[in-house]
């Protein structure tokens, strides 16, 4: 476990390489998520975020996801697994769903 509080748990995943988020990401948790994402910056391949157990993510969390995806290099992607339909719709409404370096999967 990389981080655990009453509202959010962040754990490293190996296959695929990335993070599992459980709970809520709000403005207070964004620095924790940002730090966890930085630990994966130098790993080869795509970075995967398993979001099936994510209950809530505010706009500051979504902005971090988008800025991380924009910073991906060498054809790498930030892959969001199981993003809730509500958050996917928010991202589509503001045009973030077409951000270079960002991919979605429901698997």
C-alpha atoms as a PDB file:
ATOM      1  CA  UNK A   1       0.000   0.000   0.000  1.00  0.00           C
ATOM      2  CA  UNK A   2       1.451   3.360  -1.022  1.00  0.00           C
ATOM      3  CA  UNK A   3      -1.070   5.427   0.923  1.00  0.00           C
ATOM      4  CA  UNK A   4      -4.077   4.857   3.134  1.00  0.00           C
ATOM      5  CA  UNK A   5      -6.382   7.298   4.897  1.00  0.00           C
ATOM      6  CA  UNK A   6     -10.003   7.199   5.933  1.00  0.00           C
ATOM      7  CA  UNK A   7     -11.085   8.334   2.467  1.00  0.00           C
ATOM      8  CA  UNK A   8      -8.518   6.988   0.014  1.00  0.00           C
ATOM      9  CA  UNK A   9      -6.294   3.973  -0.489  1.00  0.00           C
ATOM     10  CA  UNK A  10      -3.627   3.932  -3.197  1.00  0.00           C
ATOM     11  CA  UNK A  11      -1.881   0.664  -3.977  1.00  0.00           C
ATOM     12  CA  UNK A  12       0.667  -0.240  -6.632  1.00  0.00           C
ATOM     13  CA  UNK A  13      -0.350  -2.831  -9.215  1.00  0.00           C
ATOM     14  CA  UNK A  14       2.162  -4.955 -11.092  1.00  0.00           C
ATOM     15  CA  UNK A  15       0.176  -6.549 -13.915  1.00  0.00           C
ATOM     16  CA  UNK A  16      -0.565  -4.148 -15.467  1.00  0.00           C
ATOM     17  CA  UNK A  17       1.830  -1.629 -14.004  1.00  0.00           C
ATOM     18  CA  UNK A  18      -0.030   1.188 -12.301  1.00  0.00           C
ATOM     19  CA  UNK A  19      -2.187   2.130  -9.344  1.00  0.00           C
ATOM     20  CA  UNK A  20      -5.372   0.911  -7.705  1.00  0.00           C
ATOM     21  CA  UNK A  21      -7.496   3.714  -6.243  1.00  0.00           C
ATOM     22  CA  UNK A  22     -10.108   2.900  -3.604  1.00  0.00           C
ATOM     23  CA  UNK A  23     -12.390   5.545  -2.128  1.00  0.00           C
ATOM     24  CA  UNK A  24     -12.450   9.277  -2.842  1.00  0.00           C
ATOM     25  CA  UNK A  25     -10.042  11.639  -4.595  1.00  0.00           C
ATOM     26  CA  UNK A  26     -10.634  15.235  -3.578  1.00  0.00           C
ATOM     27  CA  UNK A  27      -8.400  18.324  -3.466  1.00  0.00           C
ATOM     28  CA  UNK A  28      -6.739  17.062  -0.269  1.00  0.00           C
ATOM     29  CA  UNK A  29      -5.840  13.720  -1.856  1.00  0.00           C
ATOM     30  CA  UNK A  30      -4.511  15.112  -5.155  1.00  0.00           C
ATOM     31  CA  UNK A  31      -0.942  15.623  -3.828  1.00  0.00           C
ATOM     32  CA  UNK A  32      -0.898  11.983  -2.690  1.00  0.00           C
ATOM     33  CA  UNK A  33      -2.066  10.790  -6.104  1.00  0.00           C
ATOM     34  CA  UNK A  34       0.384  13.094  -7.859  1.00  0.00           C
ATOM     35  CA  UNK A  35       3.253  11.678  -5.800  1.00  0.00           C
ATOM     36  CA  UNK A  36       2.146   8.113  -6.531  1.00  0.00           C
ATOM     37  CA  UNK A  37       1.959   8.841 -10.261  1.00  0.00           C
ATOM     38  CA  UNK A  38       5.462  10.339 -10.158  1.00  0.00           C
ATOM     39  CA  UNK A  39       6.807   7.045  -8.801  1.00  0.00           C
ATOM     40  CA  UNK A  40       5.666   5.451 -12.068  1.00  0.00           C
ATOM     41  CA  UNK A  41       7.014   8.124 -14.397  1.00  0.00           C
ATOM     42  CA  UNK A  42      10.180   6.217 -15.262  1.00  0.00           C
ATOM     43  CA  UNK A  43       8.614   2.777 -15.608  1.00  0.00           C
ATOM     44  CA  UNK A  44       8.419   1.447 -19.166  1.00  0.00           C
ATOM     45  CA  UNK A  45       5.092   1.070 -20.912  1.00  0.00           C
ATOM     46  CA  UNK A  46       1.703   2.469 -20.148  1.00  0.00           C
ATOM     47  CA  UNK A  47       0.532   3.495 -16.689  1.00  0.00           C
ATOM     48  CA  UNK A  48      -2.760   1.929 -15.650  1.00  0.00           C
ATOM     49  CA  UNK A  49      -5.219   3.336 -13.108  1.00  0.00           C
ATOM     50  CA  UNK A  50      -7.699   0.771 -11.776  1.00  0.00           C
ATOM     51  CA  UNK A  51     -10.742   2.852 -10.827  1.00  0.00           C
ATOM     52  CA  UNK A  52     -13.464   0.236 -10.292  1.00  0.00           C
ATOM     53  CA  UNK A  53     -13.451   0.937  -6.539  1.00  0.00           C
ATOM     54  CA  UNK A  54     -13.260   4.717  -6.861  1.00  0.00           C
ATOM     55  CA  UNK A  55     -16.350   6.305  -5.339  1.00  0.00           C
ATOM     56  CA  UNK A  56     -15.679   9.977  -6.104  1.00  0.00           C
ATOM     57  CA  UNK A  57     -13.166  12.176  -7.910  1.00  0.00           C
ATOM     58  CA  UNK A  58     -13.472  15.947  -7.969  1.00  0.00           C
ATOM     59  CA  UNK A  59     -12.324  18.231 -10.757  1.00  0.00           C
ATOM     60  CA  UNK A  60      -8.854  18.676  -9.238  1.00  0.00           C
ATOM     61  CA  UNK A  61      -8.358  14.909  -9.473  1.00  0.00           C
ATOM     62  CA  UNK A  62      -9.589  14.849 -13.061  1.00  0.00           C
ATOM     63  CA  UNK A  63      -7.260  17.744 -13.918  1.00  0.00           C
ATOM     64  CA  UNK A  64      -4.330  15.767 -12.484  1.00  0.00           C
ATOM     65  CA  UNK A  65      -5.269  12.754 -14.607  1.00  0.00           C
ATOM     66  CA  UNK A  66      -5.464  14.919 -17.730  1.00  0.00           C
ATOM     67  CA  UNK A  67      -2.175  16.738 -17.058  1.00  0.00           C
ATOM     68  CA  UNK A  68      -0.449  13.410 -16.373  1.00  0.00           C
ATOM     69  CA  UNK A  69      -1.746  12.014 -19.667  1.00  0.00           C
ATOM     70  CA  UNK A  70      -0.580  15.112 -21.541  1.00  0.00           C
ATOM     71  CA  UNK A  71       2.895  14.581 -20.086  1.00  0.00           C
ATOM     72  CA  UNK A  72       3.213  10.995 -21.328  1.00  0.00           C
ATOM     73  CA  UNK A  73       6.010  10.578 -23.864  1.00  0.00           C
ATOM     74  CA  UNK A  74       7.227   8.036 -26.423  1.00  0.00           C
ATOM     75  CA  UNK A  75       3.750   6.770 -27.265  1.00  0.00           C
ATOM     76  CA  UNK A  76       2.988   5.803 -23.682  1.00  0.00           C
ATOM     77  CA  UNK A  77      -0.537   6.231 -22.343  1.00  0.00           C
ATOM     78  CA  UNK A  78      -2.303   6.720 -19.060  1.00  0.00           C
ATOM     79  CA  UNK A  79      -4.992   4.034 -19.200  1.00  0.00           C
ATOM     80  CA  UNK A  80      -8.101   4.470 -17.041  1.00  0.00           C
ATOM     81  CA  UNK A  81      -9.785   1.160 -16.189  1.00  0.00           C
ATOM     82  CA  UNK A  82     -13.433   1.127 -15.122  1.00  0.00           C
ATOM     83  CA  UNK A  83     -13.931   4.890 -14.896  1.00  0.00           C
ATOM     84  CA  UNK A  84     -17.517   5.446 -13.756  1.00  0.00           C
ATOM     85  CA  UNK A  85     -19.990   6.471 -16.465  1.00  0.00           C
ATOM     86  CA  UNK A  86     -20.631   9.723 -14.594  1.00  0.00           C
ATOM     87  CA  UNK A  87     -16.955  10.740 -14.573  1.00  0.00           C
ATOM     88  CA  UNK A  88     -16.525   9.591 -18.164  1.00  0.00           C
ATOM     89  CA  UNK A  89     -19.437  11.860 -19.134  1.00  0.00           C
ATOM     90  CA  UNK A  90     -17.918  14.828 -17.264  1.00  0.00           C
ATOM     91  CA  UNK A  91     -14.650  14.284 -19.111  1.00  0.00           C
ATOM     92  CA  UNK A  92     -16.494  14.120 -22.436  1.00  0.00           C
ATOM     93  CA  UNK A  93     -18.470  17.298 -21.712  1.00  0.00           C
ATOM     94  CA  UNK A  94     -15.296  19.316 -21.169  1.00  0.00           C
ATOM     95  CA  UNK A  95     -13.408  17.594 -23.991  1.00  0.00           C
ATOM     96  CA  UNK A  96     -10.869  15.826 -21.785  1.00  0.00           C
ATOM     97  CA  UNK A  97     -11.805  12.404 -23.142  1.00  0.00           C
ATOM     98  CA  UNK A  98      -9.790  13.159 -26.297  1.00  0.00           C
ATOM     99  CA  UNK A  99      -6.633  14.202 -24.418  1.00  0.00           C
ATOM    100  CA  UNK A 100      -3.482  12.885 -26.104  1.00  0.00           C
ATOM    101  CA  UNK A 101      -1.898  10.166 -23.988  1.00  0.00           C
ATOM    102  CA  UNK A 102      -5.196   9.190 -22.330  1.00  0.00           C
ATOM    103  CA  UNK A 103      -7.033   5.903 -22.945  1.00  0.00           C
ATOM    104  CA  UNK A 104     -10.123   4.301 -21.435  1.00  0.00           C
ATOM    105  CA  UNK A 105     -11.097   0.683 -20.938  1.00  0.00           C
ATOM    106  CA  UNK A 106     -14.024  -0.979 -19.224  1.00  0.00           C
ATOM    107  CA  UNK A 107     -12.146  -4.239 -18.595  1.00  0.00           C
END
